[in-house]
Amino acid sequence: MGQTSVLLSNRQKKVLHLLLIVITSVDGERCPESHPYAYKGGYYCCLTNREHFNAHKGRTCDGSVIELDSVCCAGHQYTLCPAPPCKNYQPEEETNGGGGYDRLTPGYVCSYV
């Protein structure tokens, strides 16, 4: 049996992309662990926490630490955010799933009720 190739229209590709976002969005609005750093308004996730360097794009692409308003990713090693807009990935134990110490707050503020 030979392989079957399927040609999709642009509209079908967009619908498929949206379905994949819904299916793969487990953590919701977080970059995946493989590319933990959100940039370009949270629509892309970068492998490293550094911008690529492109002198023509100014401070949002100057090789510094990547931020949400950055427009490029070091080495172009990025992926689309699974459910935009994304925030930086954080391991489950650091997102304070209920009770315990909130490791995101300076001084480890106790959040037990």
PDB file of N, CA and C in Angstrom:
ATOM      1  N   MET A   1       0.835  -1.191   0.000  1.00  0.00           N
ATOM      2  CA  MET A   1       0.000   0.000   0.000  1.00  0.00           C
ATOM      3  C   MET A   1       0.871   1.243   0.000  1.00  0.00           C
ATOM      4  N   GLY A   2       0.534   2.191  -0.830  1.00  0.00           N
ATOM      5  CA  GLY A   2       1.278   3.443  -0.904  1.00  0.00           C
ATOM      6  C   GLY A   2       0.735   4.467   0.073  1.00  0.00           C
ATOM      7  N   GLN A   3       1.529   5.500   0.273  1.00  0.00           N
ATOM      8  CA  GLN A   3       1.113   6.585   1.142  1.00  0.00           C
ATOM      9  C   GLN A   3       0.154   7.493   0.399  1.00  0.00           C
ATOM     10  N   THR A   4      -0.835   8.002   1.103  1.00  0.00           N
ATOM     11  CA  THR A   4      -1.792   8.923   0.514  1.00  0.00           C
ATOM     12  C   THR A   4      -1.455  10.325   0.979  1.00  0.00           C
ATOM     13  N   SER A   5      -1.358  11.253   0.049  1.00  0.00           N
ATOM     14  CA  SER A   5      -1.110  12.636   0.449  1.00  0.00           C
ATOM     15  C   SER A   5      -2.424  13.393   0.390  1.00  0.00           C
ATOM     16  N   VAL A   6      -2.584  14.313   1.334  1.00  0.00           N
ATOM     17  CA  VAL A   6      -3.810  15.095   1.419  1.00  0.00           C
ATOM     18  C   VAL A   6      -3.450  16.565   1.237  1.00  0.00           C
ATOM     19  N   LEU A   7      -4.108  17.215   0.324  1.00  0.00           N
ATOM     20  CA  LEU A   7      -3.906  18.645   0.126  1.00  0.00           C
ATOM     21  C   LEU A   7      -5.016  19.395   0.848  1.00  0.00           C
ATOM     22  N   LEU A   8      -4.630  20.315   1.703  1.00  0.00           N
ATOM     23  CA  LEU A   8      -5.597  21.078   2.481  1.00  0.00           C
ATOM     24  C   LEU A   8      -5.604  22.531   2.020  1.00  0.00           C
ATOM     25  N   SER A   9      -6.768  23.140   2.028  1.00  0.00           N
ATOM     26  CA  SER A   9      -6.866  24.562   1.720  1.00  0.00           C
ATOM     27  C   SER A   9      -6.349  25.354   2.927  1.00  0.00           C
ATOM     28  N   ASN A  10      -6.089  26.627   2.734  1.00  0.00           N
ATOM     29  CA  ASN A  10      -5.637  27.477   3.846  1.00  0.00           C
ATOM     30  C   ASN A  10      -6.667  27.508   4.966  1.00  0.00           C
ATOM     31  N   ARG A  11      -7.930  27.550   4.603  1.00  0.00           N
ATOM     32  CA  ARG A  11      -8.997  27.557   5.616  1.00  0.00           C
ATOM     33  C   ARG A  11      -8.988  26.255   6.411  1.00  0.00           C
ATOM     34  N   GLN A  12      -8.830  25.134   5.726  1.00  0.00           N
ATOM     35  CA  GLN A  12      -8.780  23.842   6.409  1.00  0.00           C
ATOM     36  C   GLN A  12      -7.567  23.757   7.329  1.00  0.00           C
ATOM     37  N   LYS A  13      -6.443  24.315   6.895  1.00  0.00           N
ATOM     38  CA  LYS A  13      -5.242  24.321   7.728  1.00  0.00           C
ATOM     39  C   LYS A  13      -5.462  25.135   8.996  1.00  0.00           C
ATOM     40  N   LYS A  14      -6.138  26.291   8.867  1.00  0.00           N
ATOM     41  CA  LYS A  14      -6.430  27.118  10.040  1.00  0.00           C
ATOM     42  C   LYS A  14      -7.345  26.393  11.014  1.00  0.00           C
ATOM     43  N   VAL A  15      -8.363  25.719  10.487  1.00  0.00           N
ATOM     44  CA  VAL A  15      -9.285  24.965  11.341  1.00  0.00           C
ATOM     45  C   VAL A  15      -8.535  23.835  12.040  1.00  0.00           C
ATOM     46  N   LEU A  16      -7.700  23.119  11.304  1.00  0.00           N
ATOM     47  CA  LEU A  16      -6.909  22.041  11.888  1.00  0.00           C
ATOM     48  C   LEU A  16      -5.978  22.576  12.967  1.00  0.00           C
ATOM     49  N   HIS A  17      -5.341  23.722  12.709  1.00  0.00           N
ATOM     50  CA  HIS A  17      -4.462  24.340  13.702  1.00  0.00           C
ATOM     51  C   HIS A  17      -5.241  24.671  14.976  1.00  0.00           C
ATOM     52  N   LEU A  18      -6.423  25.251  14.841  1.00  0.00           N
ATOM     53  CA  LEU A  18      -7.246  25.576  16.010  1.00  0.00           C
ATOM     54  C   LEU A  18      -7.649  24.323  16.779  1.00  0.00           C
ATOM     55  N   LEU A  19      -7.986  23.261  16.050  1.00  0.00           N
ATOM     56  CA  LEU A  19      -8.326  22.000  16.720  1.00  0.00           C
ATOM     57  C   LEU A  19      -7.130  21.447  17.487  1.00  0.00           C
ATOM     58  N   LEU A  20      -5.958  21.533  16.897  1.00  0.00           N
ATOM     59  CA  LEU A  20      -4.759  21.056  17.579  1.00  0.00           C
ATOM     60  C   LEU A  20      -4.479  21.877  18.828  1.00  0.00           C
ATOM     61  N   ILE A  21      -4.736  23.178  18.765  1.00  0.00           N
ATOM     62  CA  ILE A  21      -4.553  24.021  19.943  1.00  0.00           C
ATOM     63  C   ILE A  21      -5.468  23.559  21.064  1.00  0.00           C
ATOM     64  N   VAL A  22      -6.729  23.301  20.743  1.00  0.00           N
ATOM     65  CA  VAL A  22      -7.686  22.857  21.754  1.00  0.00           C
ATOM     66  C   VAL A  22      -7.286  21.501  22.317  1.00  0.00           C
ATOM     67  N   ILE A  23      -6.890  20.583  21.459  1.00  0.00           N
ATOM     68  CA  ILE A  23      -6.538  19.229  21.894  1.00  0.00           C
ATOM     69  C   ILE A  23      -5.270  19.220  22.727  1.00  0.00           C
ATOM     70  N   THR A  24      -4.256  19.995  22.331  1.00  0.00           N
ATOM     71  CA  THR A  24      -2.971  19.954  23.022  1.00  0.00           C
ATOM     72  C   THR A  24      -2.867  20.928  24.178  1.00  0.00           C
ATOM     73  N   SER A  25      -3.852  21.763  24.382  1.00  0.00           N
ATOM     74  CA  SER A  25      -3.788  22.753  25.446  1.00  0.00           C
ATOM     75  C   SER A  25      -4.164  22.129  26.787  1.00  0.00           C
ATOM     76  N   VAL A  26      -3.188  21.483  27.412  1.00  0.00           N
ATOM     77  CA  VAL A  26      -3.427  20.836  28.701  1.00  0.00           C
ATOM     78  C   VAL A  26      -3.284  21.844  29.822  1.00  0.00           C
ATOM     79  N   ASP A  27      -2.204  22.605  29.815  1.00  0.00           N
ATOM     80  CA  ASP A  27      -1.928  23.546  30.889  1.00  0.00           C
ATOM     81  C   ASP A  27      -2.627  24.872  30.663  1.00  0.00           C
ATOM     82  N   GLY A  28      -3.083  25.143  29.484  1.00  0.00           N
ATOM     83  CA  GLY A  28      -3.808  26.362  29.177  1.00  0.00           C
ATOM     84  C   GLY A  28      -3.036  27.635  29.423  1.00  0.00           C
ATOM     85  N   GLU A  29      -2.745  28.353  28.386  1.00  0.00           N
ATOM     86  CA  GLU A  29      -2.107  29.648  28.438  1.00  0.00           C
ATOM     87  C   GLU A  29      -0.710  29.629  29.040  1.00  0.00           C
ATOM     88  N   ARG A  30       0.000  28.534  28.922  1.00  0.00           N
ATOM     89  CA  ARG A  30       1.403  28.440  29.343  1.00  0.00           C
ATOM     90  C   ARG A  30       2.207  27.858  28.189  1.00  0.00           C
ATOM     91  N   CYS A  31       3.414  28.339  28.024  1.00  0.00           N
ATOM     92  CA  CYS A  31       4.306  27.752  27.028  1.00  0.00           C
ATOM     93  C   CYS A  31       4.631  26.318  27.445  1.00  0.00           C
ATOM     94  N   PRO A  32       4.950  25.454  26.478  1.00  0.00           N
ATOM     95  CA  PRO A  32       5.313  24.084  26.827  1.00  0.00           C
ATOM     96  C   PRO A  32       6.683  24.042  27.513  1.00  0.00           C
ATOM     97  N   GLU A  33       6.931  22.993  28.258  1.00  0.00           N
ATOM     98  CA  GLU A  33       8.199  22.837  28.974  1.00  0.00           C
ATOM     99  C   GLU A  33       9.392  22.875  28.016  1.00  0.00           C
ATOM    100  N   SER A  34       9.203  22.371  26.795  1.00  0.00           N
ATOM    101  CA  SER A  34      10.294  22.333  25.821  1.00  0.00           C
ATOM    102  C   SER A  34      10.716  23.725  25.344  1.00  0.00           C
ATOM    103  N   HIS A  35       9.806  24.681  25.363  1.00  0.00           N
ATOM    104  CA  HIS A  35      10.061  26.061  24.932  1.00  0.00           C
ATOM    105  C   HIS A  35       9.385  26.991  25.949  1.00  0.00           C
ATOM    106  N   PRO A  36       9.984  27.167  27.123  1.00  0.00           N
ATOM    107  CA  PRO A  36       9.291  27.772  28.261  1.00  0.00           C
ATOM    108  C   PRO A  36       9.113  29.286  28.273  1.00  0.00           C
ATOM    109  N   TYR A  37       9.693  30.015  27.323  1.00  0.00           N
ATOM    110  CA  TYR A  37       9.696  31.472  27.417  1.00  0.00           C
ATOM    111  C   TYR A  37       8.767  32.134  26.394  1.00  0.00           C
ATOM    112  N   ALA A  38       7.746  32.820  26.886  1.00  0.00           N
ATOM    113  CA  ALA A  38       6.763  33.485  26.030  1.00  0.00           C
ATOM    114  C   ALA A  38       7.323  34.794  25.482  1.00  0.00           C
ATOM    115  N   TYR A  39       7.006  35.079  24.224  1.00  0.00           N
ATOM    116  CA  TYR A  39       7.395  36.345  23.609  1.00  0.00           C
ATOM    117  C   TYR A  39       6.427  36.660  22.480  1.00  0.00           C
ATOM    118  N   LYS A  40       6.634  37.798  21.833  1.00  0.00           N
ATOM    119  CA  LYS A  40       5.788  38.287  20.739  1.00  0.00           C
ATOM    120  C   LYS A  40       4.311  38.329  21.167  1.00  0.00           C
ATOM    121  N   GLY A  41       4.089  38.965  22.325  1.00  0.00           N
ATOM    122  CA  GLY A  41       2.737  39.108  22.848  1.00  0.00           C
ATOM    123  C   GLY A  41       2.138  37.826  23.389  1.00  0.00           C
ATOM    124  N   GLY A  42       2.971  36.801  23.592  1.00  0.00           N
ATOM    125  CA  GLY A  42       2.478  35.522  24.104  1.00  0.00           C
ATOM    126  C   GLY A  42       2.018  34.567  23.016  1.00  0.00           C
ATOM    127  N   TYR A  43       2.280  34.901  21.757  1.00  0.00           N
ATOM    128  CA  TYR A  43       1.867  34.033  20.655  1.00  0.00           C
ATOM    129  C   TYR A  43       2.938  33.011  20.265  1.00  0.00           C
ATOM    130  N   TYR A  44       4.158  33.220  20.768  1.00  0.00           N
ATOM    131  CA  TYR A  44       5.258  32.304  20.484  1.00  0.00           C
ATOM    132  C   TYR A  44       5.987  31.954  21.770  1.00  0.00           C
ATOM    133  N   CYS A  45       6.661  30.816  21.764  1.00  0.00           N
ATOM    134  CA  CYS A  45       7.420  30.343  22.919  1.00  0.00           C
ATOM    135  C   CYS A  45       8.829  29.987  22.455  1.00  0.00           C
ATOM    136  N   CYS A  46       9.831  30.449  23.202  1.00  0.00           N
ATOM    137  CA  CYS A  46      11.237  30.305  22.819  1.00  0.00           C
ATOM    138  C   CYS A  46      11.932  29.241  23.661  1.00  0.00           C
ATOM    139  N   LEU A  47      12.897  28.575  23.060  1.00  0.00           N
ATOM    140  CA  LEU A  47      13.689  27.546  23.744  1.00  0.00           C
ATOM    141  C   LEU A  47      14.546  28.149  24.845  1.00  0.00           C
ATOM    142  N   THR A  48      15.114  29.334  24.601  1.00  0.00           N
ATOM    143  CA  THR A  48      15.981  29.976  25.592  1.00  0.00           C
ATOM    144  C   THR A  48      15.354  31.288  26.065  1.00  0.00           C
ATOM    145  N   ASN A  49      15.951  31.872  27.083  1.00  0.00           N
ATOM    146  CA  ASN A  49      15.417  33.135  27.605  1.00  0.00           C
ATOM    147  C   ASN A  49      16.113  34.345  26.975  1.00  0.00           C
ATOM    148  N   ARG A  50      16.649  34.170  25.775  1.00  0.00           N
ATOM    149  CA  ARG A  50      17.350  35.249  25.081  1.00  0.00           C
ATOM    150  C   ARG A  50      16.704  35.567  23.738  1.00  0.00           C
ATOM    151  N   GLU A  51      16.778  36.837  23.369  1.00  0.00           N
ATOM    152  CA  GLU A  51      16.344  37.265  22.049  1.00  0.00           C
ATOM    153  C   GLU A  51      17.428  36.943  21.025  1.00  0.00           C
ATOM    154  N   HIS A  52      17.033  36.853  19.792  1.00  0.00           N
ATOM    155  CA  HIS A  52      17.984  36.791  18.686  1.00  0.00           C
ATOM    156  C   HIS A  52      18.513  38.217  18.506  1.00  0.00           C
ATOM    157  N   PHE A  53      19.644  38.391  17.837  1.00  0.00           N
ATOM    158  CA  PHE A  53      20.143  39.743  17.592  1.00  0.00           C
ATOM    159  C   PHE A  53      19.868  40.158  16.155  1.00  0.00           C
ATOM    160  N   ASN A  54      19.139  41.271  16.018  1.00  0.00           N
ATOM    161  CA  ASN A  54      18.881  41.863  14.716  1.00  0.00           C
ATOM    162  C   ASN A  54      18.871  43.378  14.921  1.00  0.00           C
ATOM    163  N   ALA A  55      19.957  44.039  14.533  1.00  0.00           N
ATOM    164  CA  ALA A  55      20.119  45.476  14.775  1.00  0.00           C
ATOM    165  C   ALA A  55      18.995  46.316  14.176  1.00  0.00           C
ATOM    166  N   HIS A  56      18.365  45.840  13.121  1.00  0.00           N
ATOM    167  CA  HIS A  56      17.307  46.606  12.458  1.00  0.00           C
ATOM    168  C   HIS A  56      16.001  46.623  13.258  1.00  0.00           C
ATOM    169  N   LYS A  57      15.844  45.713  14.209  1.00  0.00           N
ATOM    170  CA  LYS A  57      14.591  45.647  14.966  1.00  0.00           C
ATOM    171  C   LYS A  57      14.670  46.325  16.330  1.00  0.00           C
ATOM    172  N   GLY A  58      15.820  46.858  16.694  1.00  0.00           N
ATOM    173  CA  GLY A  58      15.939  47.631  17.930  1.00  0.00           C
ATOM    174  C   GLY A  58      15.939  46.796  19.199  1.00  0.00           C
ATOM    175  N   ARG A  59      15.475  47.405  20.289  1.00  0.00           N
ATOM    176  CA  ARG A  59      15.577  46.794  21.610  1.00  0.00           C
ATOM    177  C   ARG A  59      14.747  45.526  21.785  1.00  0.00           C
ATOM    178  N   THR A  60      13.771  45.272  20.922  1.00  0.00           N
ATOM    179  CA  THR A  60      12.951  44.065  21.057  1.00  0.00           C
ATOM    180  C   THR A  60      13.581  42.858  20.369  1.00  0.00           C
ATOM    181  N   CYS A  61      14.797  43.074  19.846  1.00  0.00           N
ATOM    182  CA  CYS A  61      15.505  41.981  19.173  1.00  0.00           C
ATOM    183  C   CYS A  61      17.013  42.248  19.248  1.00  0.00           C
ATOM    184  N   ASP A  62      17.479  42.535  20.477  1.00  0.00           N
ATOM    185  CA  ASP A  62      18.879  42.944  20.638  1.00  0.00           C
ATOM    186  C   ASP A  62      19.747  41.918  21.367  1.00  0.00           C
ATOM    187  N   GLY A  63      19.249  40.697  21.516  1.00  0.00           N
ATOM    188  CA  GLY A  63      20.029  39.652  22.175  1.00  0.00           C
ATOM    189  C   GLY A  63      19.914  39.663  23.689  1.00  0.00           C
ATOM    190  N   SER A  64      19.085  40.540  24.238  1.00  0.00           N
ATOM    191  CA  SER A  64      18.918  40.603  25.691  1.00  0.00           C
ATOM    192  C   SER A  64      17.922  39.538  26.168  1.00  0.00           C
ATOM    193  N   VAL A  65      17.589  39.588  27.448  1.00  0.00           N
ATOM    194  CA  VAL A  65      16.629  38.637  28.024  1.00  0.00           C
ATOM    195  C   VAL A  65      15.281  38.818  27.339  1.00  0.00           C
ATOM    196  N   ILE A  66      14.674  37.703  26.958  1.00  0.00           N
ATOM    197  CA  ILE A  66      13.406  37.734  26.216  1.00  0.00           C
ATOM    198  C   ILE A  66      12.258  38.167  27.129  1.00  0.00           C
ATOM    199  N   GLU A  67      11.347  38.964  26.577  1.00  0.00           N
ATOM    200  CA  GLU A  67      10.166  39.437  27.299  1.00  0.00           C
ATOM    201  C   GLU A  67       8.958  39.302  26.389  1.00  0.00           C
ATOM    202  N   LEU A  68       7.775  39.552  26.925  1.00  0.00           N
ATOM    203  CA  LEU A  68       6.555  39.427  26.118  1.00  0.00           C
ATOM    204  C   LEU A  68       6.560  40.336  24.898  1.00  0.00           C
ATOM    205  N   ASP A  69       7.213  41.503  24.987  1.00  0.00           N
ATOM    206  CA  ASP A  69       7.237  42.407  23.836  1.00  0.00           C
ATOM    207  C   ASP A  69       8.409  42.150  22.888  1.00  0.00           C
ATOM    208  N   SER A  70       9.231  41.154  23.175  1.00  0.00           N
ATOM    209  CA  SER A  70      10.317  40.783  22.266  1.00  0.00           C
ATOM    210  C   SER A  70       9.720  40.265  20.962  1.00  0.00           C
ATOM    211  N   VAL A  71      10.440  40.472  19.861  1.00  0.00           N
ATOM    212  CA  VAL A  71       9.921  40.043  18.561  1.00  0.00           C
ATOM    213  C   VAL A  71      10.755  38.941  17.916  1.00  0.00           C
ATOM    214  N   CYS A  72      11.790  38.465  18.610  1.00  0.00           N
ATOM    215  CA  CYS A  72      12.604  37.393  18.036  1.00  0.00           C
ATOM    216  C   CYS A  72      13.183  36.510  19.132  1.00  0.00           C
ATOM    217  N   CYS A  73      13.520  35.309  18.761  1.00  0.00           N
ATOM    218  CA  CYS A  73      13.993  34.272  19.681  1.00  0.00           C
ATOM    219  C   CYS A  73      15.386  33.818  19.238  1.00  0.00           C
ATOM    220  N   ALA A  74      16.296  33.678  20.194  1.00  0.00           N
ATOM    221  CA  ALA A  74      17.673  33.276  19.894  1.00  0.00           C
ATOM    222  C   ALA A  74      17.705  32.008  19.050  1.00  0.00           C
ATOM    223  N   GLY A  75      18.461  32.070  17.962  1.00  0.00           N
ATOM    224  CA  GLY A  75      18.614  30.914  17.087  1.00  0.00           C
ATOM    225  C   GLY A  75      17.342  30.519  16.359  1.00  0.00           C
ATOM    226  N   HIS A  76      16.320  31.362  16.428  1.00  0.00           N
ATOM    227  CA  HIS A  76      15.022  31.064  15.801  1.00  0.00           C
ATOM    228  C   HIS A  76      14.475  29.719  16.287  1.00  0.00           C
ATOM    229  N   GLN A  77      14.761  29.382  17.551  1.00  0.00           N
ATOM    230  CA  GLN A  77      14.304  28.107  18.123  1.00  0.00           C
ATOM    231  C   GLN A  77      13.024  28.360  18.908  1.00  0.00           C
ATOM    232  N   TYR A  78      11.914  28.413  18.189  1.00  0.00           N
ATOM    233  CA  TYR A  78      10.633  28.758  18.795  1.00  0.00           C
ATOM    234  C   TYR A  78       9.549  27.786  18.348  1.00  0.00           C
ATOM    235  N   THR A  79       8.421  27.875  19.031  1.00  0.00           N
ATOM    236  CA  THR A  79       7.227  27.134  18.653  1.00  0.00           C
ATOM    237  C   THR A  79       6.034  28.052  18.892  1.00  0.00           C
ATOM    238  N   LEU A  80       4.930  27.761  18.252  1.00  0.00           N
ATOM    239  CA  LEU A  80       3.708  28.532  18.482  1.00  0.00           C
ATOM    240  C   LEU A  80       3.164  28.232  19.873  1.00  0.00           C
ATOM    241  N   CYS A  81       2.590  29.219  20.501  1.00  0.00           N
ATOM    242  CA  CYS A  81       1.912  29.008  21.779  1.00  0.00           C
ATOM    243  C   CYS A  81       0.705  28.109  21.535  1.00  0.00           C
ATOM    244  N   PRO A  82       0.503  27.073  22.362  1.00  0.00           N
ATOM    245  CA  PRO A  82      -0.620  26.162  22.137  1.00  0.00           C
ATOM    246  C   PRO A  82      -1.998  26.804  22.359  1.00  0.00           C
ATOM    247  N   ALA A  83      -2.077  27.820  23.200  1.00  0.00           N
ATOM    248  CA  ALA A  83      -3.357  28.498  23.468  1.00  0.00           C
ATOM    249  C   ALA A  83      -3.072  29.961  23.794  1.00  0.00           C
ATOM    250  N   PRO A  84      -2.820  30.784  22.761  1.00  0.00           N
ATOM    251  CA  PRO A  84      -2.420  32.171  23.008  1.00  0.00           C
ATOM    252  C   PRO A  84      -3.485  32.994  23.720  1.00  0.00           C
ATOM    253  N   PRO A  85      -3.046  33.998  24.455  1.00  0.00           N
ATOM    254  CA  PRO A  85      -1.663  34.374  24.704  1.00  0.00           C
ATOM    255  C   PRO A  85      -1.060  33.550  25.842  1.00  0.00           C
ATOM    256  N   CYS A  86       0.166  33.127  25.662  1.00  0.00           N
ATOM    257  CA  CYS A  86       0.859  32.306  26.655  1.00  0.00           C
ATOM    258  C   CYS A  86       1.648  33.149  27.650  1.00  0.00           C
ATOM    259  N   LYS A  87       1.894  32.543  28.800  1.00  0.00           N
ATOM    260  CA  LYS A  87       2.823  33.058  29.802  1.00  0.00           C
ATOM    261  C   LYS A  87       3.985  32.075  29.829  1.00  0.00           C
ATOM    262  N   ASN A  88       5.044  32.424  30.524  1.00  0.00           N
ATOM    263  CA  ASN A  88       6.173  31.514  30.664  1.00  0.00           C
ATOM    264  C   ASN A  88       5.744  30.223  31.342  1.00  0.00           C
ATOM    265  N   TYR A  89       6.348  29.119  30.915  1.00  0.00           N
ATOM    266  CA  TYR A  89       6.093  27.818  31.534  1.00  0.00           C
ATOM    267  C   TYR A  89       6.591  27.837  32.977  1.00  0.00           C
ATOM    268  N   GLN A  90       5.866  27.169  33.854  1.00  0.00           N
ATOM    269  CA  GLN A  90       6.307  26.956  35.227  1.00  0.00           C
ATOM    270  C   GLN A  90       5.943  25.539  35.613  1.00  0.00           C
ATOM    271  N   PRO A  91       6.875  24.837  36.272  1.00  0.00           N
ATOM    272  CA  PRO A  91       6.545  23.485  36.724  1.00  0.00           C
ATOM    273  C   PRO A  91       5.330  23.517  37.645  1.00  0.00           C
ATOM    274  N   GLU A  92       4.566  22.443  37.636  1.00  0.00           N
ATOM    275  CA  GLU A  92       3.319  22.350  38.414  1.00  0.00           C
ATOM    276  C   GLU A  92       3.506  22.736  39.873  1.00  0.00           C
ATOM    277  N   GLU A  93       4.586  22.277  40.513  1.00  0.00           N
ATOM    278  CA  GLU A  93       4.780  22.557  41.933  1.00  0.00           C
ATOM    279  C   GLU A  93       5.029  24.035  42.211  1.00  0.00           C
ATOM    280  N   GLU A  94       5.399  24.814  41.186  1.00  0.00           N
ATOM    281  CA  GLU A  94       5.641  26.235  41.392  1.00  0.00           C
ATOM    282  C   GLU A  94       4.423  27.088  41.079  1.00  0.00           C
ATOM    283  N   THR A  95       3.343  26.508  40.599  1.00  0.00           N
ATOM    284  CA  THR A  95       2.157  27.294  40.289  1.00  0.00           C
ATOM    285  C   THR A  95       1.175  27.322  41.446  1.00  0.00           C
ATOM    286  N   ASN A  96       1.539  26.698  42.565  1.00  0.00           N
ATOM    287  CA  ASN A  96       0.743  26.710  43.791  1.00  0.00           C
ATOM    288  C   ASN A  96      -0.687  26.264  43.524  1.00  0.00           C
ATOM    289  N   GLY A  97      -0.848  24.976  43.291  1.00  0.00           N
ATOM    290  CA  GLY A  97      -2.138  24.396  42.973  1.00  0.00           C
ATOM    291  C   GLY A  97      -3.132  24.388  44.109  1.00  0.00           C
ATOM    292  N   GLY A  98      -2.873  25.032  45.196  1.00  0.00           N
ATOM    293  CA  GLY A  98      -3.833  25.128  46.293  1.00  0.00           C
ATOM    294  C   GLY A  98      -3.173  24.841  47.619  1.00  0.00           C
ATOM    295  N   GLY A  99      -2.993  25.874  48.417  1.00  0.00           N
ATOM    296  CA  GLY A  99      -2.394  25.694  49.731  1.00  0.00           C
ATOM    297  C   GLY A  99      -0.890  25.613  49.664  1.00  0.00           C
ATOM    298  N   GLY A 100      -0.270  25.720  50.822  1.00  0.00           N
ATOM    299  CA  GLY A 100       1.182  25.623  50.880  1.00  0.00           C
ATOM    300  C   GLY A 100       1.818  26.979  50.662  1.00  0.00           C
ATOM    301  N   TYR A 101       3.070  26.955  50.371  1.00  0.00           N
ATOM    302  CA  TYR A 101       3.811  28.182  50.172  1.00  0.00           C
ATOM    303  C   TYR A 101       3.764  28.608  48.718  1.00  0.00           C
ATOM    304  N   ASP A 102       3.540  29.875  48.503  1.00  0.00           N
ATOM    305  CA  ASP A 102       3.502  30.424  47.160  1.00  0.00           C
ATOM    306  C   ASP A 102       4.924  30.794  46.767  1.00  0.00           C
ATOM    307  N   ARG A 103       5.568  29.957  45.968  1.00  0.00           N
ATOM    308  CA  ARG A 103       6.970  30.178  45.604  1.00  0.00           C
ATOM    309  C   ARG A 103       7.136  31.316  44.616  1.00  0.00           C
ATOM    310  N   LEU A 104       6.048  31.851  44.097  1.00  0.00           N
ATOM    311  CA  LEU A 104       6.142  32.950  43.154  1.00  0.00           C
ATOM    312  C   LEU A 104       6.229  34.291  43.859  1.00  0.00           C
ATOM    313  N   THR A 105       5.936  34.327  45.142  1.00  0.00           N
ATOM    314  CA  THR A 105       5.946  35.571  45.900  1.00  0.00           C
ATOM    315  C   THR A 105       7.246  35.668  46.683  1.00  0.00           C
ATOM    316  N   PRO A 106       7.961  36.788  46.554  1.00  0.00           N
ATOM    317  CA  PRO A 106       9.186  36.951  47.332  1.00  0.00           C
ATOM    318  C   PRO A 106       8.913  36.741  48.815  1.00  0.00           C
ATOM    319  N   GLY A 107       9.770  36.006  49.478  1.00  0.00           N
ATOM    320  CA  GLY A 107       9.599  35.749  50.898  1.00  0.00           C
ATOM    321  C   GLY A 107       8.747  34.522  51.200  1.00  0.00           C
ATOM    322  N   TYR A 108       8.326  33.784  50.182  1.00  0.00           N
ATOM    323  CA  TYR A 108       7.518  32.569  50.355  1.00  0.00           C
ATOM    324  C   TYR A 108       6.345  32.803  51.297  1.00  0.00           C
ATOM    325  N   VAL A 109       5.405  33.557  50.865  1.00  0.00           N
ATOM    326  CA  VAL A 109       4.228  33.882  51.660  1.00  0.00           C
ATOM    327  C   VAL A 109       3.337  32.651  51.822  1.00  0.00           C
ATOM    328  N   CYS A 110       2.919  32.371  53.046  1.00  0.00           N
ATOM    329  CA  CYS A 110       2.070  31.225  53.318  1.00  0.00           C
ATOM    330  C   CYS A 110       0.656  31.503  52.803  1.00  0.00           C
ATOM    331  N   SER A 111       0.085  30.546  52.090  1.00  0.00           N
ATOM    332  CA  SER A 111      -1.251  30.792  51.540  1.00  0.00           C
ATOM    333  C   SER A 111      -2.304  29.829  52.073  1.00  0.00           C
ATOM    334  N   TYR A 112      -2.045  29.164  53.202  1.00  0.00           N
ATOM    335  CA  TYR A 112      -3.053  28.306  53.808  1.00  0.00           C
ATOM    336  C   TYR A 112      -4.185  29.155  54.351  1.00  0.00           C
ATOM    337  N   VAL A 113      -5.389  28.636  54.261  1.00  0.00           N
ATOM    338  CA  VAL A 113      -6.558  29.371  54.769  1.00  0.00           C
ATOM    339  C   VAL A 113      -7.013  28.725  56.052  1.00  0.00           C
TER     340      VAL A 113
END
